[in-house]
C-alpha atoms as a PDB file:
ATOM      1  CA  MET A   1      24.947  17.678 -12.781  1.00  0.00           C
ATOM      2  CA  LEU A   2      25.996  17.949  -9.207  1.00  0.00           C
ATOM      3  CA  PRO A   3      25.661  20.147  -7.186  1.00  0.00           C
ATOM      4  CA  ALA A   4      22.450  21.467  -8.666  1.00  0.00           C
ATOM      5  CA  ARG A   5      21.769  25.194  -8.410  1.00  0.00           C
ATOM      6  CA  PRO A   6      18.735  26.228  -6.211  1.00  0.00           C
ATOM      7  CA  GLU A   7      17.442  28.164  -9.198  1.00  0.00           C
ATOM      8  CA  THR A   8      17.311  24.965 -11.139  1.00  0.00           C
ATOM      9  CA  ILE A   9      15.426  23.002  -8.510  1.00  0.00           C
ATOM     10  CA  ALA A  10      13.075  25.966  -7.974  1.00  0.00           C
ATOM     11  CA  ALA A  11      12.232  26.014 -11.732  1.00  0.00           C
ATOM     12  CA  PHE A  12      11.897  22.176 -11.613  1.00  0.00           C
ATOM     13  CA  ILE A  13       9.266  22.420  -8.817  1.00  0.00           C
ATOM     14  CA  ASP A  14       7.257  25.068 -10.559  1.00  0.00           C
ATOM     15  CA  THR A  15       7.199  22.893 -13.797  1.00  0.00           C
ATOM     16  CA  MET A  16       6.390  19.647 -12.006  1.00  0.00           C
ATOM     17  CA  ALA A  17       3.612  21.458 -10.015  1.00  0.00           C
ATOM     18  CA  LEU A  18       1.650  21.941 -13.142  1.00  0.00           C
ATOM     19  CA  GLU A  19       1.231  18.209 -13.832  1.00  0.00           C
ATOM     20  CA  ARG A  20       2.207  16.136 -10.693  1.00  0.00           C
ATOM     21  CA  ALA A  21       0.502  15.853  -7.313  1.00  0.00           C
ATOM     22  CA  PRO A  22       2.186  17.919  -4.418  1.00  0.00           C
ATOM     23  CA  ALA A  23       3.194  14.840  -2.474  1.00  0.00           C
ATOM     24  CA  THR A  24       4.961  13.594  -5.704  1.00  0.00           C
ATOM     25  CA  VAL A  25       6.802  16.771  -6.124  1.00  0.00           C
ATOM     26  CA  ARG A  26       7.806  16.773  -2.486  1.00  0.00           C
ATOM     27  CA  ARG A  27       9.218  13.222  -2.996  1.00  0.00           C
ATOM     28  CA  TYR A  28      11.218  14.334  -6.048  1.00  0.00           C
ATOM     29  CA  VAL A  29      12.716  17.154  -3.981  1.00  0.00           C
ATOM     30  CA  SER A  30      13.488  14.718  -1.102  1.00  0.00           C
ATOM     31  CA  SER A  31      15.266  12.371  -3.581  1.00  0.00           C
ATOM     32  CA  ILE A  32      17.426  15.230  -4.914  1.00  0.00           C
ATOM     33  CA  SER A  33      18.315  16.234  -1.426  1.00  0.00           C
ATOM     34  CA  HIS A  34      19.398  12.634  -0.451  1.00  0.00           C
ATOM     35  CA  LEU A  35      21.364  12.310  -3.745  1.00  0.00           C
ATOM     36  CA  HIS A  36      23.375  15.340  -2.834  1.00  0.00           C
ATOM     37  CA  ARG A  37      24.024  14.229   0.789  1.00  0.00           C
ATOM     38  CA  ALA A  38      25.093  10.795  -0.581  1.00  0.00           C
ATOM     39  CA  ALA A  39      27.649  12.633  -2.713  1.00  0.00           C
ATOM     40  CA  GLY A  40      28.984  14.450   0.178  1.00  0.00           C
ATOM     41  CA  LEU A  41      27.469  17.727  -0.943  1.00  0.00           C
ATOM     42  CA  VAL A  42      25.440  20.369   0.683  1.00  0.00           C
ATOM     43  CA  SER A  43      21.796  20.028  -0.264  1.00  0.00           C
ATOM     44  CA  PRO A  44      20.553  22.997  -2.371  1.00  0.00           C
ATOM     45  CA  CYS A  45      16.986  21.954  -1.288  1.00  0.00           C
ATOM     46  CA  ASN A  46      17.612  23.862   1.914  1.00  0.00           C
ATOM     47  CA  ASP A  47      18.038  27.080  -0.022  1.00  0.00           C
ATOM     48  CA  GLU A  48      15.213  29.825   0.516  1.00  0.00           C
ATOM     49  CA  LEU A  49      14.507  29.827  -3.261  1.00  0.00           C
ATOM     50  CA  VAL A  50      13.492  26.122  -3.181  1.00  0.00           C
ATOM     51  CA  ARG A  51      11.470  26.609   0.203  1.00  0.00           C
ATOM     52  CA  LEU A  52       9.589  29.585  -1.602  1.00  0.00           C
ATOM     53  CA  SER A  53       8.828  27.386  -4.675  1.00  0.00           C
ATOM     54  CA  LEU A  54       7.403  24.680  -2.517  1.00  0.00           C
ATOM     55  CA  ARG A  55       5.197  27.170  -0.632  1.00  0.00           C
ATOM     56  CA  ARG A  56       4.023  28.559  -3.949  1.00  0.00           C
ATOM     57  CA  MET A  57       3.068  25.155  -4.967  1.00  0.00           C
ATOM     58  CA  HIS A  58       1.150  24.462  -1.842  1.00  0.00           C
ATOM     59  CA  ARG A  59      -0.705  27.715  -1.942  1.00  0.00           C
ATOM     60  CA  ALA A  60      -1.851  26.977  -5.347  1.00  0.00           C
ATOM     61  CA  ARG A  61      -2.416  23.216  -5.152  1.00  0.00           C
ATOM     62  CA  GLY A  62      -2.610  22.564  -1.312  1.00  0.00           C
ATOM     63  CA  ARG A  63      -0.686  19.985   0.634  1.00  0.00           C
ATOM     64  CA  ARG A  64      -3.400  17.389   0.747  1.00  0.00           C
ATOM     65  CA  GLY A  65      -3.175  14.803  -1.947  1.00  0.00           C
ATOM     66  CA  SER A  66      -5.973  12.607  -3.122  1.00  0.00           C
ATOM     67  CA  GLN A  67      -6.540   9.309  -1.417  1.00  0.00           C
ATOM     68  CA  LYS A  68      -7.263   6.084  -3.207  1.00  0.00           C
ATOM     69  CA  LEU A  69     -10.134   3.875  -2.264  1.00  0.00           C
ATOM     70  CA  GLY A  70      -9.580   1.548   0.629  1.00  0.00           C
ATOM     71  CA  LEU A  71     -10.362  -2.040  -0.084  1.00  0.00           C
ATOM     72  CA  THR A  72     -12.353  -2.745   3.089  1.00  0.00           C
ATOM     73  CA  ARG A  73     -13.530  -6.346   3.784  1.00  0.00           C
ATOM     74  CA  ASP A  74     -16.843  -6.027   2.004  1.00  0.00           C
ATOM     75  CA  LEU A  75     -15.107  -4.712  -1.150  1.00  0.00           C
ATOM     76  CA  VAL A  76     -12.562  -7.515  -0.954  1.00  0.00           C
ATOM     77  CA  ASP A  77     -15.287 -10.050  -0.710  1.00  0.00           C
ATOM     78  CA  ARG A  78     -17.060  -8.529  -3.839  1.00  0.00           C
ATOM     79  CA  MET A  79     -13.778  -8.820  -5.834  1.00  0.00           C
ATOM     80  CA  LEU A  80     -13.152 -12.276  -4.639  1.00  0.00           C
ATOM     81  CA  SER A  81     -16.740 -13.420  -5.628  1.00  0.00           C
ATOM     82  CA  ALA A  82     -16.299 -11.952  -9.102  1.00  0.00           C
ATOM     83  CA  SER A  83     -12.896 -13.600  -9.555  1.00  0.00           C
ATOM     84  CA  ASP A  84     -12.493 -16.524 -11.994  1.00  0.00           C
ATOM     85  CA  ARG A  85     -11.621 -19.578  -9.742  1.00  0.00           C
ATOM     86  CA  THR A  86     -11.255 -21.907 -12.641  1.00  0.00           C
ATOM     87  CA  SER A  87      -7.986 -20.442 -14.062  1.00  0.00           C
ATOM     88  CA  LEU A  88      -4.558 -20.287 -12.597  1.00  0.00           C
ATOM     89  CA  LYS A  89      -4.493 -16.506 -12.934  1.00  0.00           C
ATOM     90  CA  GLY A  90      -7.844 -16.164 -11.139  1.00  0.00           C
ATOM     91  CA  LEU A  91      -6.599 -18.294  -8.378  1.00  0.00           C
ATOM     92  CA  ARG A  92      -3.321 -16.333  -8.162  1.00  0.00           C
ATOM     93  CA  ASP A  93      -5.274 -13.037  -8.041  1.00  0.00           C
ATOM     94  CA  SER A  94      -7.453 -14.120  -5.391  1.00  0.00           C
ATOM     95  CA  ALA A  95      -4.693 -15.387  -3.257  1.00  0.00           C
ATOM     96  CA  LEU A  96      -2.782 -12.129  -3.798  1.00  0.00           C
ATOM     97  CA  LEU A  97      -5.678  -9.938  -2.929  1.00  0.00           C
ATOM     98  CA  SER A  98      -6.398 -12.012   0.256  1.00  0.00           C
ATOM     99  CA  VAL A  99      -2.905 -12.013   1.409  1.00  0.00           C
ATOM    100  CA  GLY A 100      -2.524  -8.165   0.715  1.00  0.00           C
ATOM    101  CA  TYR A 101      -5.552  -7.429   2.891  1.00  0.00           C
ATOM    102  CA  ASP A 102      -4.663  -9.877   5.701  1.00  0.00           C
ATOM    103  CA  THR A 103      -0.918  -8.764   6.016  1.00  0.00           C
ATOM    104  CA  LEU A 104      -1.241  -4.994   5.233  1.00  0.00           C
ATOM    105  CA  CYS A 105       1.765  -5.593   2.990  1.00  0.00           C
ATOM    106  CA  ARG A 106       3.110  -3.045   0.615  1.00  0.00           C
ATOM    107  CA  ARG A 107       3.020  -4.225  -2.963  1.00  0.00           C
ATOM    108  CA  SER A 108       6.947  -4.352  -2.896  1.00  0.00           C
ATOM    109  CA  GLU A 109       6.656  -6.805   0.032  1.00  0.00           C
ATOM    110  CA  LEU A 110       4.027  -9.009  -1.661  1.00  0.00           C
ATOM    111  CA  VAL A 111       6.011  -9.594  -4.790  1.00  0.00           C
ATOM    112  CA  ALA A 112       9.164 -10.275  -2.658  1.00  0.00           C
ATOM    113  CA  ALA A 113       7.522 -13.115  -0.872  1.00  0.00           C
ATOM    114  CA  ASP A 114       8.658 -16.696  -1.315  1.00  0.00           C
ATOM    115  CA  VAL A 115       6.816 -19.898  -0.755  1.00  0.00           C
ATOM    116  CA  GLU A 116       9.354 -20.680   1.933  1.00  0.00           C
ATOM    117  CA  HIS A 117       8.123 -17.613   3.788  1.00  0.00           C
ATOM    118  CA  LEU A 118       4.742 -19.367   4.537  1.00  0.00           C
ATOM    119  CA  MET A 119       3.975 -21.046   7.766  1.00  0.00           C
ATOM    120  CA  ILE A 120       0.809 -22.950   8.374  1.00  0.00           C
ATOM    121  CA  GLY A 121      -0.899 -23.235  11.826  1.00  0.00           C
ATOM    122  CA  ASP A 122      -2.742 -26.113  13.320  1.00  0.00           C
ATOM    123  CA  ASP A 123      -6.050 -24.108  13.249  1.00  0.00           C
ATOM    124  CA  GLY A 124      -5.880 -23.603   9.490  1.00  0.00           C
ATOM    125  CA  SER A 125      -4.465 -20.079   9.798  1.00  0.00           C
ATOM    126  CA  GLY A 126      -0.957 -19.150   8.770  1.00  0.00           C
ATOM    127  CA  SER A 127       1.752 -16.528   8.762  1.00  0.00           C
ATOM    128  CA  LEU A 128       3.913 -14.914   6.208  1.00  0.00           C
ATOM    129  CA  PHE A 129       7.501 -13.990   7.107  1.00  0.00           C
ATOM    130  CA  LEU A 130       8.787 -10.685   5.661  1.00  0.00           C
ATOM    131  CA  PRO A 131      12.598 -10.797   5.541  1.00  0.00           C
ATOM    132  CA  THR A 132      12.771  -6.940   5.008  1.00  0.00           C
ATOM    133  CA  SER A 133      10.642  -4.015   4.212  1.00  0.00           C
ATOM    134  CA  LYS A 134      10.589  -0.349   3.486  1.00  0.00           C
ATOM    135  CA  THR A 135      10.827   0.376   7.230  1.00  0.00           C
ATOM    136  CA  ASP A 136      13.143  -2.595   8.014  1.00  0.00           C
ATOM    137  CA  GLN A 137      16.010  -1.948   5.872  1.00  0.00           C
ATOM    138  CA  GLU A 138      18.385  -3.819   8.146  1.00  0.00           C
ATOM    139  CA  GLY A 139      16.371  -7.100   7.730  1.00  0.00           C
ATOM    140  CA  ASN A 140      15.179  -7.938  11.152  1.00  0.00           C
ATOM    141  CA  GLY A 141      12.178  -9.500   9.635  1.00  0.00           C
ATOM    142  CA  ALA A 142       8.508  -9.652  10.788  1.00  0.00           C
ATOM    143  CA  TYR A 143       5.603 -12.201  10.600  1.00  0.00           C
ATOM    144  CA  ARG A 144       2.119 -11.223   9.428  1.00  0.00           C
ATOM    145  CA  TYR A 145      -1.012 -13.128  10.045  1.00  0.00           C
ATOM    146  CA  LEU A 146      -2.996 -15.052   7.478  1.00  0.00           C
ATOM    147  CA  ALA A 147      -6.683 -15.964   8.227  1.00  0.00           C
ATOM    148  CA  PRO A 148      -7.973 -19.497   7.340  1.00  0.00           C
ATOM    149  CA  ASP A 149      -9.873 -18.430   4.282  1.00  0.00           C
ATOM    150  CA  THR A 150      -6.804 -16.658   2.936  1.00  0.00           C
ATOM    151  CA  MET A 151      -4.732 -19.894   3.546  1.00  0.00           C
ATOM    152  CA  ARG A 152      -7.468 -21.758   1.460  1.00  0.00           C
ATOM    153  CA  HIS A 153      -7.020 -19.339  -1.432  1.00  0.00           C
ATOM    154  CA  LEU A 154      -3.253 -19.750  -1.205  1.00  0.00           C
ATOM    155  CA  SER A 155      -3.430 -23.458  -0.976  1.00  0.00           C
ATOM    156  CA  ALA A 156      -5.804 -23.626  -4.168  1.00  0.00           C
ATOM    157  CA  TYR A 157      -3.306 -21.336  -6.010  1.00  0.00           C
ATOM    158  CA  LEU A 158      -0.133 -23.278  -5.069  1.00  0.00           C
ATOM    159  CA  VAL A 159      -1.607 -26.604  -5.866  1.00  0.00           C
ATOM    160  CA  ALA A 160      -2.721 -25.383  -9.319  1.00  0.00           C
ATOM    161  CA  ALA A 161       0.600 -23.727  -9.954  1.00  0.00           C
ATOM    162  CA  GLY A 162       2.653 -26.600  -8.755  1.00  0.00           C
ATOM    163  CA  HIS A 163       5.600 -24.635  -7.415  1.00  0.00           C
ATOM    164  CA  ILE A 164       6.715 -25.468  -3.861  1.00  0.00           C
ATOM    165  CA  GLU A 165       9.645 -23.012  -3.613  1.00  0.00           C
ATOM    166  CA  GLY A 166      10.807 -19.651  -5.053  1.00  0.00           C
ATOM    167  CA  PRO A 167       8.753 -16.642  -5.817  1.00  0.00           C
ATOM    168  CA  LEU A 168       5.185 -17.039  -4.247  1.00  0.00           C
ATOM    169  CA  PHE A 169       3.378 -14.795  -6.670  1.00  0.00           C
ATOM    170  CA  ARG A 170       4.412 -15.205 -10.381  1.00  0.00           C
ATOM    171  CA  THR A 171       3.344 -13.908 -13.673  1.00  0.00           C
ATOM    172  CA  VAL A 172       0.938 -16.125 -15.607  1.00  0.00           C
ATOM    173  CA  GLY A 173       0.972 -16.090 -19.469  1.00  0.00           C
ATOM    174  CA  HIS A 174      -1.292 -17.482 -22.123  1.00  0.00           C
ATOM    175  CA  GLY A 175      -2.351 -21.035 -21.409  1.00  0.00           C
ATOM    176  CA  GLY A 176      -1.336 -20.651 -17.758  1.00  0.00           C
ATOM    177  CA  ARG A 177       2.263 -20.645 -18.483  1.00  0.00           C
ATOM    178  CA  LYS A 178       4.184 -19.431 -15.314  1.00  0.00           C
ATOM    179  CA  SER A 179       7.156 -17.147 -15.527  1.00  0.00           C
ATOM    180  CA  GLY A 180       9.115 -14.858 -13.189  1.00  0.00           C
ATOM    181  CA  ARG A 181       8.344 -12.883 -10.099  1.00  0.00           C
ATOM    182  CA  LEU A 182       5.443 -10.359 -10.174  1.00  0.00           C
ATOM    183  CA  SER A 183       6.414  -6.741 -10.220  1.00  0.00           C
ATOM    184  CA  GLY A 184       4.904  -4.137  -7.848  1.00  0.00           C
ATOM    185  CA  GLU A 185       3.236  -2.318 -10.914  1.00  0.00           C
ATOM    186  CA  THR A 186       1.450  -5.646 -11.852  1.00  0.00           C
ATOM    187  CA  VAL A 187      -0.117  -5.882  -8.191  1.00  0.00           C
ATOM    188  CA  ALA A 188      -1.880  -2.561  -8.811  1.00  0.00           C
ATOM    189  CA  ARG A 189      -3.012  -3.749 -12.250  1.00  0.00           C
ATOM    190  CA  ILE A 190      -4.413  -6.979 -10.913  1.00  0.00           C
ATOM    191  CA  TYR A 191      -6.308  -5.029  -8.265  1.00  0.00           C
ATOM    192  CA  LYS A 192      -7.725  -2.787 -10.675  1.00  0.00           C
ATOM    193  CA  GLY A 193      -8.805  -5.615 -12.929  1.00  0.00           C
ATOM    194  CA  MET A 194     -10.463  -7.413 -10.132  1.00  0.00           C
ATOM    195  CA  ALA A 195     -12.175  -4.197  -9.046  1.00  0.00           C
ATOM    196  CA  LYS A 196     -13.588  -3.708 -12.584  1.00  0.00           C
ATOM    197  CA  ALA A 197     -14.975  -7.101 -12.699  1.00  0.00           C
ATOM    198  CA  ALA A 198     -16.661  -6.479  -9.393  1.00  0.00           C
ATOM    199  CA  GLY A 199     -18.238  -3.243 -10.588  1.00  0.00           C
ATOM    200  CA  ILE A 200     -15.895  -1.021  -8.580  1.00  0.00           C
ATOM    201  CA  ASP A 201     -14.294   2.013 -10.259  1.00  0.00           C
ATOM    202  CA  PRO A 202     -10.620   0.753 -11.004  1.00  0.00           C
ATOM    203  CA  CYS A 203      -9.348   4.478 -11.185  1.00  0.00           C
ATOM    204  CA  GLU A 204      -9.991   4.602  -7.470  1.00  0.00           C
ATOM    205  CA  VAL A 205      -7.844   1.553  -6.725  1.00  0.00           C
ATOM    206  CA  SER A 206      -4.074   1.331  -6.233  1.00  0.00           C
ATOM    207  CA  GLY A 207      -1.625  -1.180  -5.193  1.00  0.00           C
ATOM    208  CA  HIS A 208      -1.907   0.072  -1.637  1.00  0.00           C
ATOM    209  CA  SER A 209      -5.730  -0.119  -1.386  1.00  0.00           C
ATOM    210  CA  THR A 210      -5.664  -3.220   0.672  1.00  0.00           C
ATOM    211  CA  ARG A 211      -3.433  -1.388   3.248  1.00  0.00           C
ATOM    212  CA  ILE A 212      -5.849   1.473   3.389  1.00  0.00           C
ATOM    213  CA  GLY A 213      -8.964  -0.711   3.628  1.00  0.00           C
ATOM    214  CA  LYS A 214      -7.521  -3.084   6.376  1.00  0.00           C
ATOM    215  CA  ALA A 215      -6.427   0.052   8.440  1.00  0.00           C
ATOM    216  CA  GLN A 216      -9.973   1.410   8.113  1.00  0.00           C
ATOM    217  CA  ASP A 217     -11.516  -1.844   9.068  1.00  0.00           C
ATOM    218  CA  CYS A 218      -9.332  -2.085  12.165  1.00  0.00           C
ATOM    219  CA  VAL A 219     -10.193   1.398  13.262  1.00  0.00           C
ATOM    220  CA  ALA A 220     -13.971   0.747  12.777  1.00  0.00           C
ATOM    221  CA  ALA A 221     -13.630  -2.378  14.886  1.00  0.00           C
ATOM    222  CA  GLY A 222     -12.097  -0.371  17.761  1.00  0.00           C
ATOM    223  CA  ILE A 223      -8.477  -1.627  17.358  1.00  0.00           C
ATOM    224  CA  GLY A 224      -5.902   0.933  18.583  1.00  0.00           C
ATOM    225  CA  ILE A 225      -3.435   2.807  16.303  1.00  0.00           C
ATOM    226  CA  ALA A 226      -0.306   1.272  17.897  1.00  0.00           C
ATOM    227  CA  ALA A 227      -1.569  -2.243  16.924  1.00  0.00           C
ATOM    228  CA  ILE A 228      -2.327  -1.197  13.389  1.00  0.00           C
ATOM    229  CA  MET A 229       1.064   0.450  13.025  1.00  0.00           C
ATOM    230  CA  ARG A 230       2.791  -2.726  14.210  1.00  0.00           C
ATOM    231  CA  ASP A 231       0.819  -5.009  11.759  1.00  0.00           C
ATOM    232  CA  GLY A 232       1.296  -2.598   8.846  1.00  0.00           C
ATOM    233  CA  GLY A 233       4.948  -1.706   9.490  1.00  0.00           C
ATOM    234  CA  TRP A 234       4.288   1.905   9.915  1.00  0.00           C
ATOM    235  CA  LYS A 235       6.737   4.094  11.922  1.00  0.00           C
ATOM    236  CA  SER A 236       4.483   7.049  12.319  1.00  0.00           C
ATOM    237  CA  GLU A 237       0.858   7.582  13.092  1.00  0.00           C
ATOM    238  CA  ALA A 238       0.540  10.047  10.245  1.00  0.00           C
ATOM    239  CA  MET A 239      -0.463   7.718   7.502  1.00  0.00           C
ATOM    240  CA  VAL A 240      -2.704   5.570   9.569  1.00  0.00           C
ATOM    241  CA  ALA A 241      -4.464   8.582  10.770  1.00  0.00           C
ATOM    242  CA  ARG A 242      -4.792   9.947   7.153  1.00  0.00           C
ATOM    243  CA  TYR A 243      -6.240   6.667   5.978  1.00  0.00           C
ATOM    244  CA  THR A 244      -8.816   6.538   8.734  1.00  0.00           C
ATOM    245  CA  GLU A 245      -9.623  10.106   9.564  1.00  0.00           C
ATOM    246  CA  HIS A 246     -13.199  10.069   8.119  1.00  0.00           C
ATOM    247  CA  LEU A 247     -13.875   7.246  10.778  1.00  0.00           C
ATOM    248  CA  GLN A 248     -12.041   8.900  13.601  1.00  0.00           C
ATOM    249  CA  VAL A 249     -14.264  11.942  13.326  1.00  0.00           C
ATOM    250  CA  ARG A 250     -16.827   9.921  15.021  1.00  0.00           C
ATOM    251  CA  GLU A 251     -14.798  10.048  18.155  1.00  0.00           C
ATOM    252  CA  SER A 252     -14.327  13.773  18.012  1.00  0.00           C
ATOM    253  CA  ALA A 253     -15.425  16.100  20.776  1.00  0.00           C
ATOM    254  CA  SER A 254     -18.392  17.387  18.671  1.00  0.00           C
ATOM    255  CA  ALA A 255     -19.513  13.830  18.083  1.00  0.00           C
ATOM    256  CA  ARG A 256     -19.370  12.905  21.708  1.00  0.00           C
ATOM    257  CA  LEU A 257     -21.233  16.020  22.633  1.00  0.00           C
ATOM    258  CA  SER A 258     -23.914  15.275  20.155  1.00  0.00           C
ATOM    259  CA  CYS A 259     -24.471  11.863  21.654  1.00  0.00           C
ATOM    260  CA  ILE A 260     -24.670  13.502  25.227  1.00  0.00           C
ATOM    261  CA  GLN A 261     -27.218  16.018  23.980  1.00  0.00           C
ATOM    262  CA  LYS A 262     -29.111  13.238  22.287  1.00  0.00           C
ATOM    263  CA  ARG A 263     -29.265  15.090  19.162  1.00  0.00           C
ATOM    264  CA  ILE A 264     -30.852  13.062  16.229  1.00  0.00           C
END
């Protein structure tokens, strides 16, 4: 299998480009390159054949991928209002959505959280400690803020669930039977189910929609990119800029000149 021939990878790219998003294909190629380097081999992905195949894909499909809907505060509130607050599953889902929005956590970070990672403040707010994350592989850890209303959702869920340690968000079976830790894929399904109940197209929602929506709300409120990056654990401005570009256009030179010219 290793080392792969450039011709093989180029053919793979051409085939995958027919049914996968360009960003997904680029991720595949990056994984193949990392695998070769980990094995002490020269990456065939640097070959001109592979580069030409990627360019061919971008010419045909473009580099820009589709962006999922951002679950901004108004949409989160709609989903919470439509949620079933009488069942353990509904309480868990409301707490999960609220924590996801407040913390800008990736779905992998949400499902890795334990009850012991929660801290409660005197004013009713709280914080969630993240021991590790995608951009913190060495485990330095970070704290994320939880608003008082989110803490109320969490408290209602934890009281109903009755667990005081271990995984924070767990699967809930028939009859409210609790099981193991949620998976990242389940987070996306929960968000989609809550969106559908609130009259929001579930196809537009993903497990990262809370990150997108919170970033958009922050930019709309005039909060700087650096603070958003810090809270969301981003190492580059690229993704934050991508999520919020439709808002930032209002700060463009053309938008400012339009205001100066008093064009209406």
